[in-house]
Each structure stands twice: as C-alpha cells, then as structure tokens.
Amino acid sequence: TALLANNVDAVTTDDVLLAGYAAQNPELLRVVGQSFSK
C-alpha cells in the first residue's frame, strides 16, 4: 500500500510473495527479477 502511495520506493521479501502482489496490480507494480538470496 505504501509503495502504491509513493511513500516508499521498493518492497523486499521473497520473490514468490512479490509475484503474488504484482499479479494483483499488474498495471502498477512489477518484480525487478534479480533474486539475490536463497
């Protein structure tokens, strides 16, 4: 919600979770696609 409101610039957590949020807002949000942990 804060990202959509421009109150933060990025959200970080696991890619599978971020994919779910991006799927809810496909025209507004995207996953960077550069995973950097396991």
PDB file of all heavy atoms in Angstrom:
ATOM      1  N   THR A   1       0.835  -1.208   0.000  1.00  0.00           N
ATOM      2  CA  THR A   1       0.000   0.000   0.000  1.00  0.00           C
ATOM      3  C   THR A   1       0.867   1.253   0.000  1.00  0.00           C
ATOM      4  O   THR A   1       0.595   2.215  -0.724  1.00  0.00           O
ATOM      5  CB  THR A   1      -0.928   0.003   1.221  1.00  0.00           C
ATOM      6  OG1 THR A   1      -1.781  -1.144   1.173  1.00  0.00           O
ATOM      7  CG2 THR A   1      -1.787   1.264   1.260  1.00  0.00           C
ATOM      8  N   ALA A   2       1.928   1.250   0.807  1.00  0.00           N
ATOM      9  CA  ALA A   2       2.848   2.390   0.859  1.00  0.00           C
ATOM     10  C   ALA A   2       3.561   2.583  -0.472  1.00  0.00           C
ATOM     11  O   ALA A   2       3.810   3.719  -0.906  1.00  0.00           O
ATOM     12  CB  ALA A   2       3.862   2.180   1.986  1.00  0.00           C
ATOM     13  N   LEU A   3       3.891   1.485  -1.146  1.00  0.00           N
ATOM     14  CA  LEU A   3       4.536   1.577  -2.459  1.00  0.00           C
ATOM     15  C   LEU A   3       3.591   2.203  -3.482  1.00  0.00           C
ATOM     16  O   LEU A   3       3.985   3.088  -4.255  1.00  0.00           O
ATOM     17  CB  LEU A   3       4.969   0.185  -2.906  1.00  0.00           C
ATOM     18  CG  LEU A   3       5.702   0.090  -4.250  1.00  0.00           C
ATOM     19  CD1 LEU A   3       7.034   0.839  -4.204  1.00  0.00           C
ATOM     20  CD2 LEU A   3       5.933  -1.378  -4.630  1.00  0.00           C
ATOM     21  N   LEU A   4       2.352   1.768  -3.480  1.00  0.00           N
ATOM     22  CA  LEU A   4       1.362   2.326  -4.407  1.00  0.00           C
ATOM     23  C   LEU A   4       1.100   3.806  -4.132  1.00  0.00           C
ATOM     24  O   LEU A   4       0.796   4.581  -5.041  1.00  0.00           O
ATOM     25  CB  LEU A   4       0.057   1.533  -4.313  1.00  0.00           C
ATOM     26  CG  LEU A   4       0.089   0.101  -4.869  1.00  0.00           C
ATOM     27  CD1 LEU A   4      -1.135  -0.679  -4.440  1.00  0.00           C
ATOM     28  CD2 LEU A   4       0.207   0.127  -6.392  1.00  0.00           C
ATOM     29  N   ALA A   5       1.239   4.206  -2.860  1.00  0.00           N
ATOM     30  CA  ALA A   5       1.001   5.596  -2.467  1.00  0.00           C
ATOM     31  C   ALA A   5       2.255   6.462  -2.598  1.00  0.00           C
ATOM     32  O   ALA A   5       2.232   7.645  -2.227  1.00  0.00           O
ATOM     33  CB  ALA A   5       0.509   5.646  -1.032  1.00  0.00           C
ATOM     34  N   ASN A   6       3.340   5.883  -3.107  1.00  0.00           N
ATOM     35  CA  ASN A   6       4.603   6.599  -3.297  1.00  0.00           C
ATOM     36  C   ASN A   6       5.259   6.998  -1.975  1.00  0.00           C
ATOM     37  O   ASN A   6       6.057   7.937  -1.930  1.00  0.00           O
ATOM     38  CB  ASN A   6       4.400   7.838  -4.174  1.00  0.00           C
ATOM     39  CG  ASN A   6       5.686   8.298  -4.847  1.00  0.00           C
ATOM     40  OD1 ASN A   6       6.543   7.482  -5.163  1.00  0.00           O
ATOM     41  ND2 ASN A   6       5.825   9.594  -5.048  1.00  0.00           N
ATOM     42  N   ASN A   7       4.955   6.275  -0.910  1.00  0.00           N
ATOM     43  CA  ASN A   7       5.572   6.553   0.382  1.00  0.00           C
ATOM     44  C   ASN A   7       6.864   5.766   0.586  1.00  0.00           C
ATOM     45  O   ASN A   7       7.633   6.070   1.496  1.00  0.00           O
ATOM     46  CB  ASN A   7       4.598   6.238   1.514  1.00  0.00           C
ATOM     47  CG  ASN A   7       3.426   7.202   1.548  1.00  0.00           C
ATOM     48  OD1 ASN A   7       3.563   8.376   1.188  1.00  0.00           O
ATOM     49  ND2 ASN A   7       2.262   6.705   1.951  1.00  0.00           N
ATOM     50  N   VAL A   8       7.081   4.737  -0.214  1.00  0.00           N
ATOM     51  CA  VAL A   8       8.352   4.020  -0.254  1.00  0.00           C
ATOM     52  C   VAL A   8       8.680   3.773  -1.722  1.00  0.00           C
ATOM     53  O   VAL A   8       7.822   3.918  -2.600  1.00  0.00           O
ATOM     54  CB  VAL A   8       8.293   2.682   0.524  1.00  0.00           C
ATOM     55  CG1 VAL A   8       7.994   2.922   1.999  1.00  0.00           C
ATOM     56  CG2 VAL A   8       7.286   1.719  -0.094  1.00  0.00           C
ATOM     57  N   ASP A   9       9.933   3.387  -1.977  1.00  0.00           N
ATOM     58  CA  ASP A   9      10.368   3.209  -3.361  1.00  0.00           C
ATOM     59  C   ASP A   9      10.467   1.745  -3.776  1.00  0.00           C
ATOM     60  O   ASP A   9      10.476   1.437  -4.976  1.00  0.00           O
ATOM     61  CB  ASP A   9      11.726   3.882  -3.553  1.00  0.00           C
ATOM     62  CG  ASP A   9      11.657   5.371  -3.255  1.00  0.00           C
ATOM     63  OD1 ASP A   9      10.883   6.068  -3.930  1.00  0.00           O
ATOM     64  OD2 ASP A   9      12.357   5.816  -2.332  1.00  0.00           O
ATOM     65  N   ALA A  10      10.565   0.857  -2.807  1.00  0.00           N
ATOM     66  CA  ALA A  10      10.664  -0.570  -3.121  1.00  0.00           C
ATOM     67  C   ALA A  10      10.240  -1.375  -1.904  1.00  0.00           C
ATOM     68  O   ALA A  10      10.316  -0.906  -0.765  1.00  0.00           O
ATOM     69  CB  ALA A  10      12.088  -0.943  -3.526  1.00  0.00           C
ATOM     70  N   VAL A  11       9.793  -2.580  -2.167  1.00  0.00           N
ATOM     71  CA  VAL A  11       9.446  -3.540  -1.114  1.00  0.00           C
ATOM     72  C   VAL A  11      10.316  -4.765  -1.338  1.00  0.00           C
ATOM     73  O   VAL A  11      10.483  -5.207  -2.483  1.00  0.00           O
ATOM     74  CB  VAL A  11       7.955  -3.934  -1.172  1.00  0.00           C
ATOM     75  CG1 VAL A  11       7.640  -4.990  -0.102  1.00  0.00           C
ATOM     76  CG2 VAL A  11       7.062  -2.720  -1.005  1.00  0.00           C
ATOM     77  N   THR A  12      10.879  -5.293  -0.276  1.00  0.00           N
ATOM     78  CA  THR A  12      11.675  -6.503  -0.438  1.00  0.00           C
ATOM     79  C   THR A  12      11.157  -7.628   0.440  1.00  0.00           C
ATOM     80  O   THR A  12      10.788  -7.432   1.590  1.00  0.00           O
ATOM     81  CB  THR A  12      13.167  -6.261  -0.120  1.00  0.00           C
ATOM     82  OG1 THR A  12      13.907  -7.433  -0.484  1.00  0.00           O
ATOM     83  CG2 THR A  12      13.403  -5.943   1.347  1.00  0.00           C
ATOM     84  N   THR A  13      11.064  -8.769  -0.162  1.00  0.00           N
ATOM     85  CA  THR A  13      10.803 -10.036   0.513  1.00  0.00           C
ATOM     86  C   THR A  13      11.048 -11.122  -0.530  1.00  0.00           C
ATOM     87  O   THR A  13      11.707 -10.873  -1.544  1.00  0.00           O
ATOM     88  CB  THR A  13       9.397 -10.107   1.128  1.00  0.00           C
ATOM     89  OG1 THR A  13       9.274 -11.320   1.894  1.00  0.00           O
ATOM     90  CG2 THR A  13       8.293 -10.083   0.078  1.00  0.00           C
ATOM     91  N   ASP A  14      10.502 -12.284  -0.339  1.00  0.00           N
ATOM     92  CA  ASP A  14      10.768 -13.396  -1.246  1.00  0.00           C
ATOM     93  C   ASP A  14      10.031 -13.217  -2.574  1.00  0.00           C
ATOM     94  O   ASP A  14       8.902 -12.715  -2.620  1.00  0.00           O
ATOM     95  CB  ASP A  14      10.358 -14.710  -0.586  1.00  0.00           C
ATOM     96  CG  ASP A  14      11.058 -14.896   0.750  1.00  0.00           C
ATOM     97  OD1 ASP A  14      12.095 -14.241   0.983  1.00  0.00           O
ATOM     98  OD2 ASP A  14      10.565 -15.684   1.576  1.00  0.00           O
ATOM     99  N   ASP A  15      10.681 -13.677  -3.640  1.00  0.00           N
ATOM    100  CA  ASP A  15      10.154 -13.441  -4.981  1.00  0.00           C
ATOM    101  C   ASP A  15       8.764 -14.025  -5.193  1.00  0.00           C
ATOM    102  O   ASP A  15       7.932 -13.432  -5.885  1.00  0.00           O
ATOM    103  CB  ASP A  15      11.122 -13.957  -6.048  1.00  0.00           C
ATOM    104  CG  ASP A  15      11.563 -15.403  -5.838  1.00  0.00           C
ATOM    105  OD1 ASP A  15      11.031 -16.097  -4.951  1.00  0.00           O
ATOM    106  OD2 ASP A  15      12.470 -15.854  -6.581  1.00  0.00           O
ATOM    107  N   VAL A  16       8.475 -15.176  -4.589  1.00  0.00           N
ATOM    108  CA  VAL A  16       7.170 -15.794  -4.792  1.00  0.00           C
ATOM    109  C   VAL A  16       6.057 -14.938  -4.189  1.00  0.00           C
ATOM    110  O   VAL A  16       4.952 -14.856  -4.742  1.00  0.00           O
ATOM    111  CB  VAL A  16       7.152 -17.229  -4.223  1.00  0.00           C
ATOM    112  CG1 VAL A  16       7.299 -17.237  -2.706  1.00  0.00           C
ATOM    113  CG2 VAL A  16       5.883 -17.959  -4.640  1.00  0.00           C
ATOM    114  N   LEU A  17       6.328 -14.261  -3.076  1.00  0.00           N
ATOM    115  CA  LEU A  17       5.342 -13.368  -2.476  1.00  0.00           C
ATOM    116  C   LEU A  17       5.168 -12.119  -3.329  1.00  0.00           C
ATOM    117  O   LEU A  17       4.040 -11.648  -3.560  1.00  0.00           O
ATOM    118  CB  LEU A  17       5.772 -12.971  -1.066  1.00  0.00           C
ATOM    119  CG  LEU A  17       5.959 -14.091  -0.055  1.00  0.00           C
ATOM    120  CD1 LEU A  17       6.403 -13.523   1.289  1.00  0.00           C
ATOM    121  CD2 LEU A  17       4.669 -14.874   0.109  1.00  0.00           C
ATOM    122  N   LEU A  18       6.268 -11.559  -3.784  1.00  0.00           N
ATOM    123  CA  LEU A  18       6.195 -10.348  -4.601  1.00  0.00           C
ATOM    124  C   LEU A  18       5.458 -10.618  -5.906  1.00  0.00           C
ATOM    125  O   LEU A  18       4.730  -9.750  -6.401  1.00  0.00           O
ATOM    126  CB  LEU A  18       7.608  -9.829  -4.880  1.00  0.00           C
ATOM    127  CG  LEU A  18       8.415  -9.416  -3.643  1.00  0.00           C
ATOM    128  CD1 LEU A  18       9.802  -8.936  -4.059  1.00  0.00           C
ATOM    129  CD2 LEU A  18       7.693  -8.353  -2.833  1.00  0.00           C
ATOM    130  N   ALA A  19       5.620 -11.812  -6.465  1.00  0.00           N
ATOM    131  CA  ALA A  19       4.899 -12.167  -7.690  1.00  0.00           C
ATOM    132  C   ALA A  19       3.393 -12.140  -7.451  1.00  0.00           C
ATOM    133  O   ALA A  19       2.622 -11.705  -8.319  1.00  0.00           O
ATOM    134  CB  ALA A  19       5.327 -13.549  -8.176  1.00  0.00           C
ATOM    135  N   GLY A  20       2.966 -12.583  -6.274  1.00  0.00           N
ATOM    136  CA  GLY A  20       1.549 -12.548  -5.947  1.00  0.00           C
ATOM    137  C   GLY A  20       1.006 -11.131  -5.852  1.00  0.00           C
ATOM    138  O   GLY A  20      -0.083 -10.832  -6.350  1.00  0.00           O
ATOM    139  N   TYR A  21       1.765 -10.237  -5.231  1.00  0.00           N
ATOM    140  CA  TYR A  21       1.331  -8.838  -5.137  1.00  0.00           C
ATOM    141  C   TYR A  21       1.330  -8.168  -6.507  1.00  0.00           C
ATOM    142  O   TYR A  21       0.427  -7.384  -6.818  1.00  0.00           O
ATOM    143  CB  TYR A  21       2.244  -8.071  -4.181  1.00  0.00           C
ATOM    144  CG  TYR A  21       2.074  -8.439  -2.739  1.00  0.00           C
ATOM    145  CD1 TYR A  21       3.126  -8.956  -2.001  1.00  0.00           C
ATOM    146  CD2 TYR A  21       0.846  -8.277  -2.102  1.00  0.00           C
ATOM    147  CE1 TYR A  21       2.975  -9.297  -0.664  1.00  0.00           C
ATOM    148  CE2 TYR A  21       0.679  -8.613  -0.771  1.00  0.00           C
ATOM    149  CZ  TYR A  21       1.747  -9.125  -0.052  1.00  0.00           C
ATOM    150  OH  TYR A  21       1.583  -9.478   1.276  1.00  0.00           O
ATOM    151  N   ALA A  22       2.333  -8.467  -7.325  1.00  0.00           N
ATOM    152  CA  ALA A  22       2.376  -7.884  -8.665  1.00  0.00           C
ATOM    153  C   ALA A  22       1.195  -8.370  -9.505  1.00  0.00           C
ATOM    154  O   ALA A  22       0.631  -7.609 -10.301  1.00  0.00           O
ATOM    155  CB  ALA A  22       3.696  -8.238  -9.345  1.00  0.00           C
ATOM    156  N   ALA A  23       0.814  -9.631  -9.318  1.00  0.00           N
ATOM    157  CA  ALA A  23      -0.322 -10.177 -10.069  1.00  0.00           C
ATOM    158  C   ALA A  23      -1.623  -9.486  -9.688  1.00  0.00           C
ATOM    159  O   ALA A  23      -2.550  -9.415 -10.501  1.00  0.00           O
ATOM    160  CB  ALA A  23      -0.426 -11.675  -9.822  1.00  0.00           C
ATOM    161  N   GLN A  24      -1.707  -8.971  -8.465  1.00  0.00           N
ATOM    162  CA  GLN A  24      -2.902  -8.243  -8.035  1.00  0.00           C
ATOM    163  C   GLN A  24      -2.967  -6.850  -8.651  1.00  0.00           C
ATOM    164  O   GLN A  24      -4.050  -6.264  -8.770  1.00  0.00           O
ATOM    165  CB  GLN A  24      -2.936  -8.130  -6.517  1.00  0.00           C
ATOM    166  CG  GLN A  24      -3.254  -9.418  -5.795  1.00  0.00           C
ATOM    167  CD  GLN A  24      -3.410  -9.210  -4.298  1.00  0.00           C
ATOM    168  OE1 GLN A  24      -2.758  -8.371  -3.697  1.00  0.00           O
ATOM    169  NE2 GLN A  24      -4.291  -9.987  -3.686  1.00  0.00           N
ATOM    170  N   ASN A  25      -1.807  -6.294  -9.015  1.00  0.00           N
ATOM    171  CA  ASN A  25      -1.732  -4.930  -9.563  1.00  0.00           C
ATOM    172  C   ASN A  25      -0.822  -4.925 -10.797  1.00  0.00           C
ATOM    173  O   ASN A  25       0.208  -4.239 -10.826  1.00  0.00           O
ATOM    174  CB  ASN A  25      -1.176  -3.964  -8.511  1.00  0.00           C
ATOM    175  CG  ASN A  25      -2.004  -3.931  -7.242  1.00  0.00           C
ATOM    176  OD1 ASN A  25      -2.986  -3.223  -7.142  1.00  0.00           O
ATOM    177  ND2 ASN A  25      -1.582  -4.724  -6.250  1.00  0.00           N
ATOM    178  N   PRO A  26      -1.180  -5.678 -11.837  1.00  0.00           N
ATOM    179  CA  PRO A  26      -0.259  -5.887 -12.965  1.00  0.00           C
ATOM    180  C   PRO A  26       0.070  -4.640 -13.753  1.00  0.00           C
ATOM    181  O   PRO A  26       1.107  -4.597 -14.433  1.00  0.00           O
ATOM    182  CB  PRO A  26      -0.994  -6.921 -13.821  1.00  0.00           C
ATOM    183  CG  PRO A  26      -2.439  -6.739 -13.491  1.00  0.00           C
ATOM    184  CD  PRO A  26      -2.465  -6.371 -12.039  1.00  0.00           C
ATOM    185  N   GLU A  27      -0.778  -3.617 -13.708  1.00  0.00           N
ATOM    186  CA  GLU A  27      -0.502  -2.395 -14.460  1.00  0.00           C
ATOM    187  C   GLU A  27       0.261  -1.370 -13.634  1.00  0.00           C
ATOM    188  O   GLU A  27       0.700  -0.340 -14.166  1.00  0.00           O
ATOM    189  CB  GLU A  27      -1.817  -1.784 -14.950  1.00  0.00           C
ATOM    190  CG  GLU A  27      -2.574  -2.686 -15.923  1.00  0.00           C
ATOM    191  CD  GLU A  27      -3.879  -2.074 -16.375  1.00  0.00           C
ATOM    192  OE1 GLU A  27      -4.219  -0.975 -15.888  1.00  0.00           O
ATOM    193  OE2 GLU A  27      -4.564  -2.694 -17.210  1.00  0.00           O
ATOM    194  N   LEU A  28       0.424  -1.649 -12.333  1.00  0.00           N
ATOM    195  CA  LEU A  28       1.039  -0.665 -11.443  1.00  0.00           C
ATOM    196  C   LEU A  28       2.361  -1.127 -10.841  1.00  0.00           C
ATOM    197  O   LEU A  28       3.224  -0.304 -10.524  1.00  0.00           O
ATOM    198  CB  LEU A  28       0.071  -0.309 -10.306  1.00  0.00           C
ATOM    199  CG  LEU A  28      -1.281   0.276 -10.717  1.00  0.00           C
ATOM    200  CD1 LEU A  28      -2.174   0.430  -9.491  1.00  0.00           C
ATOM    201  CD2 LEU A  28      -1.085   1.624 -11.407  1.00  0.00           C
ATOM    202  N   LEU A  29       2.521  -2.438 -10.669  1.00  0.00           N
ATOM    203  CA  LEU A  29       3.692  -2.952  -9.968  1.00  0.00           C
ATOM    204  C   LEU A  29       4.390  -4.032 -10.778  1.00  0.00           C
ATOM    205  O   LEU A  29       3.764  -4.732 -11.578  1.00  0.00           O
ATOM    206  CB  LEU A  29       3.281  -3.532  -8.613  1.00  0.00           C
ATOM    207  CG  LEU A  29       2.598  -2.581  -7.622  1.00  0.00           C
ATOM    208  CD1 LEU A  29       2.163  -3.343  -6.380  1.00  0.00           C
ATOM    209  CD2 LEU A  29       3.507  -1.423  -7.254  1.00  0.00           C
ATOM    210  N   ARG A  30       5.693  -4.183 -10.534  1.00  0.00           N
ATOM    211  CA  ARG A  30       6.460  -5.242 -11.195  1.00  0.00           C
ATOM    212  C   ARG A  30       7.561  -5.728 -10.256  1.00  0.00           C
ATOM    213  O   ARG A  30       8.010  -5.004  -9.357  1.00  0.00           O
ATOM    214  CB  ARG A  30       7.084  -4.745 -12.490  1.00  0.00           C
ATOM    215  CG  ARG A  30       8.119  -3.651 -12.309  1.00  0.00           C
ATOM    216  CD  ARG A  30       8.693  -3.198 -13.654  1.00  0.00           C
ATOM    217  NE  ARG A  30       9.635  -2.095 -13.477  1.00  0.00           N
ATOM    218  CZ  ARG A  30      10.938  -2.257 -13.223  1.00  0.00           C
ATOM    219  NH1 ARG A  30      11.456  -3.481 -13.136  1.00  0.00           N
ATOM    220  NH2 ARG A  30      11.741  -1.213 -13.079  1.00  0.00           N
ATOM    221  N   VAL A  31       7.974  -6.955 -10.456  1.00  0.00           N
ATOM    222  CA  VAL A  31       9.107  -7.512  -9.733  1.00  0.00           C
ATOM    223  C   VAL A  31      10.358  -7.239 -10.546  1.00  0.00           C
ATOM    224  O   VAL A  31      10.376  -7.453 -11.772  1.00  0.00           O
ATOM    225  CB  VAL A  31       8.927  -9.028  -9.503  1.00  0.00           C
ATOM    226  CG1 VAL A  31      10.125  -9.600  -8.751  1.00  0.00           C
ATOM    227  CG2 VAL A  31       7.635  -9.300  -8.738  1.00  0.00           C
ATOM    228  N   VAL A  32      11.414  -6.752  -9.906  1.00  0.00           N
ATOM    229  CA  VAL A  32      12.647  -6.416 -10.617  1.00  0.00           C
ATOM    230  C   VAL A  32      13.209  -7.636 -11.334  1.00  0.00           C
ATOM    231  O   VAL A  32      13.704  -7.551 -12.457  1.00  0.00           O
ATOM    232  CB  VAL A  32      13.683  -5.817  -9.637  1.00  0.00           C
ATOM    233  CG1 VAL A  32      15.056  -5.679 -10.303  1.00  0.00           C
ATOM    234  CG2 VAL A  32      13.200  -4.450  -9.143  1.00  0.00           C
ATOM    235  N   GLY A  33      13.160  -8.805 -10.672  1.00  0.00           N
ATOM    236  CA  GLY A  33      13.572 -10.033 -11.332  1.00  0.00           C
ATOM    237  C   GLY A  33      15.044 -10.352 -11.203  1.00  0.00           C
ATOM    238  O   GLY A  33      15.604 -11.076 -12.036  1.00  0.00           O
ATOM    239  N   GLN A  34      15.680  -9.824 -10.156  1.00  0.00           N
ATOM    240  CA  GLN A  34      17.087 -10.112  -9.889  1.00  0.00           C
ATOM    241  C   GLN A  34      17.207 -10.684  -8.477  1.00  0.00           C
ATOM    242  O   GLN A  34      17.587  -9.989  -7.546  1.00  0.00           O
ATOM    243  CB  GLN A  34      17.930  -8.837 -10.035  1.00  0.00           C
ATOM    244  CG  GLN A  34      17.924  -8.229 -11.418  1.00  0.00           C
ATOM    245  CD  GLN A  34      18.653  -9.070 -12.438  1.00  0.00           C
ATOM    246  OE1 GLN A  34      19.581  -9.807 -12.102  1.00  0.00           O
ATOM    247  NE2 GLN A  34      18.225  -8.986 -13.692  1.00  0.00           N
ATOM    248  N   SER A  35      16.865 -11.939  -8.300  1.00  0.00           N
ATOM    249  CA  SER A  35      16.892 -12.519  -6.958  1.00  0.00           C
ATOM    250  C   SER A  35      18.317 -12.577  -6.440  1.00  0.00           C
ATOM    251  O   SER A  35      19.261 -12.804  -7.190  1.00  0.00           O
ATOM    252  CB  SER A  35      16.247 -13.907  -6.953  1.00  0.00           C
ATOM    253  OG  SER A  35      16.973 -14.790  -7.778  1.00  0.00           O
ATOM    254  N   PHE A  36      18.465 -12.362  -5.125  1.00  0.00           N
ATOM    255  CA  PHE A  36      19.806 -12.231  -4.564  1.00  0.00           C
ATOM    256  C   PHE A  36      19.969 -12.935  -3.223  1.00  0.00           C
ATOM    257  O   PHE A  36      20.823 -12.576  -2.419  1.00  0.00           O
ATOM    258  CB  PHE A  36      20.179 -10.741  -4.425  1.00  0.00           C
ATOM    259  CG  PHE A  36      19.124  -9.878  -3.785  1.00  0.00           C
ATOM    260  CD1 PHE A  36      19.070  -9.712  -2.411  1.00  0.00           C
ATOM    261  CD2 PHE A  36      18.176  -9.240  -4.569  1.00  0.00           C
ATOM    262  CE1 PHE A  36      18.098  -8.922  -1.825  1.00  0.00           C
ATOM    263  CE2 PHE A  36      17.203  -8.437  -3.987  1.00  0.00           C
ATOM    264  CZ  PHE A  36      17.168  -8.273  -2.616  1.00  0.00           C
ATOM    265  N   SER A  37      19.151 -13.923  -2.973  1.00  0.00           N
ATOM    266  CA  SER A  37      19.347 -14.740  -1.771  1.00  0.00           C
ATOM    267  C   SER A  37      18.639 -16.066  -1.973  1.00  0.00           C
ATOM    268  O   SER A  37      17.943 -16.278  -2.970  1.00  0.00           O
ATOM    269  CB  SER A  37      18.803 -14.043  -0.522  1.00  0.00           C
ATOM    270  OG  SER A  37      17.386 -14.129  -0.481  1.00  0.00           O
ATOM    271  N   LYS A  38      18.800 -16.944  -1.013  1.00  0.00           N
ATOM    272  CA  LYS A  38      18.127 -18.240  -1.029  1.00  0.00           C
ATOM    273  C   LYS A  38      17.352 -18.375   0.267  1.00  0.00           C
ATOM    274  O   LYS A  38      17.940 -18.358   1.350  1.00  0.00           O
ATOM    275  CB  LYS A  38      19.159 -19.365  -1.161  1.00  0.00           C
ATOM    276  CG  LYS A  38      18.576 -20.766  -1.245  1.00  0.00           C
ATOM    277  CD  LYS A  38      19.696 -21.773  -1.369  1.00  0.00           C
ATOM    278  CE  LYS A  38      19.173 -23.197  -1.435  1.00  0.00           C
ATOM    279  NZ  LYS A  38      20.276 -24.188  -1.510  1.00  0.00           N
TER     280      LYS A  38
END
